[in-house]
Amino acid sequence: MTDPTDELEIQTFASVWDAIADTPAEAANLKLRSELMHQIAAIVTEIRRVRCADQRPRSR
């Protein structure tokens, strides 16, 4: 009986986007969209932090 892993080809990629995209242009698009989502998440996190700080009772 043969081992099914003997037939697998190991590939390496620069990023997960390169691995899942069909074309280099699609990989670049996915990378940019991912970067944009990270920036949006950072902005939302900062806004939430500021709003939470503004709602704390102030000591007199």
Protein backbone atom coordinates (compact mmCIF):
# COMPACT_ATOMS: atom_id res chain seq x y z
CA MET A 1 0.00 0.00 0.00
CA THR A 2 1.38 3.41 -0.94
CA ASP A 3 1.45 6.42 1.31
CA PRO A 4 -0.86 9.17 -0.10
CA THR A 5 1.52 11.85 1.18
CA ASP A 6 4.16 10.58 -1.25
CA GLU A 7 2.18 12.22 -4.05
CA LEU A 8 1.85 15.62 -2.40
CA GLU A 9 3.94 18.47 -3.68
CA ILE A 10 5.15 20.88 -1.01
CA GLN A 11 4.87 24.51 -2.05
CA THR A 12 5.99 27.61 -0.21
CA PHE A 13 4.60 31.11 -0.62
CA ALA A 14 5.60 34.59 0.49
CA SER A 15 2.20 35.10 2.14
CA VAL A 16 -1.11 33.38 2.66
CA TRP A 17 -2.57 35.73 0.04
CA ASP A 18 -0.11 34.44 -2.55
CA ALA A 19 -1.13 30.90 -1.61
CA ILE A 20 -4.88 31.37 -2.01
CA ALA A 21 -5.01 33.83 -4.91
CA ASP A 22 -5.24 32.70 -8.51
CA THR A 23 -3.14 35.57 -9.87
CA PRO A 24 -0.48 37.98 -8.56
CA ALA A 25 -2.96 40.85 -9.09
CA GLU A 26 -5.56 39.11 -6.94
CA ALA A 27 -2.94 38.47 -4.22
CA ALA A 28 -1.97 42.16 -4.25
CA ASN A 29 -5.64 43.14 -3.96
CA LEU A 30 -6.15 40.79 -1.01
CA LYS A 31 -3.04 42.16 0.73
CA LEU A 32 -4.27 45.75 0.34
CA ARG A 33 -7.74 44.88 1.59
CA SER A 34 -6.27 43.10 4.59
CA GLU A 35 -4.07 46.08 5.39
CA LEU A 36 -7.07 48.40 5.12
CA MET A 37 -9.09 46.23 7.51
CA HIS A 38 -6.23 46.31 10.03
CA GLN A 39 -6.15 50.11 9.84
CA ILE A 40 -9.93 50.35 10.25
CA ALA A 41 -9.78 48.02 13.26
CA ALA A 42 -7.05 50.15 14.85
CA ILE A 43 -9.11 53.32 14.36
CA VAL A 44 -12.24 51.70 15.82
CA THR A 45 -10.24 50.43 18.80
CA GLU A 46 -8.82 53.91 19.44
CA ILE A 47 -12.26 55.54 19.20
CA ARG A 48 -13.69 53.02 21.67
CA ARG A 49 -10.78 53.62 24.05
CA VAL A 50 -11.30 57.39 23.95
CA ARG A 51 -15.07 57.11 24.40
CA CYS A 52 -14.66 54.76 27.36
CA ALA A 53 -12.17 57.16 28.94
CA ASP A 54 -14.58 60.08 28.40
CA GLN A 55 -17.41 58.21 30.16
CA ARG A 56 -15.48 57.54 33.34
CA PRO A 57 -16.57 59.62 36.31
CA ARG A 58 -14.13 62.42 36.94
CA SER A 59 -12.78 62.96 40.42
CA ARG A 60 -13.21 66.43 41.90
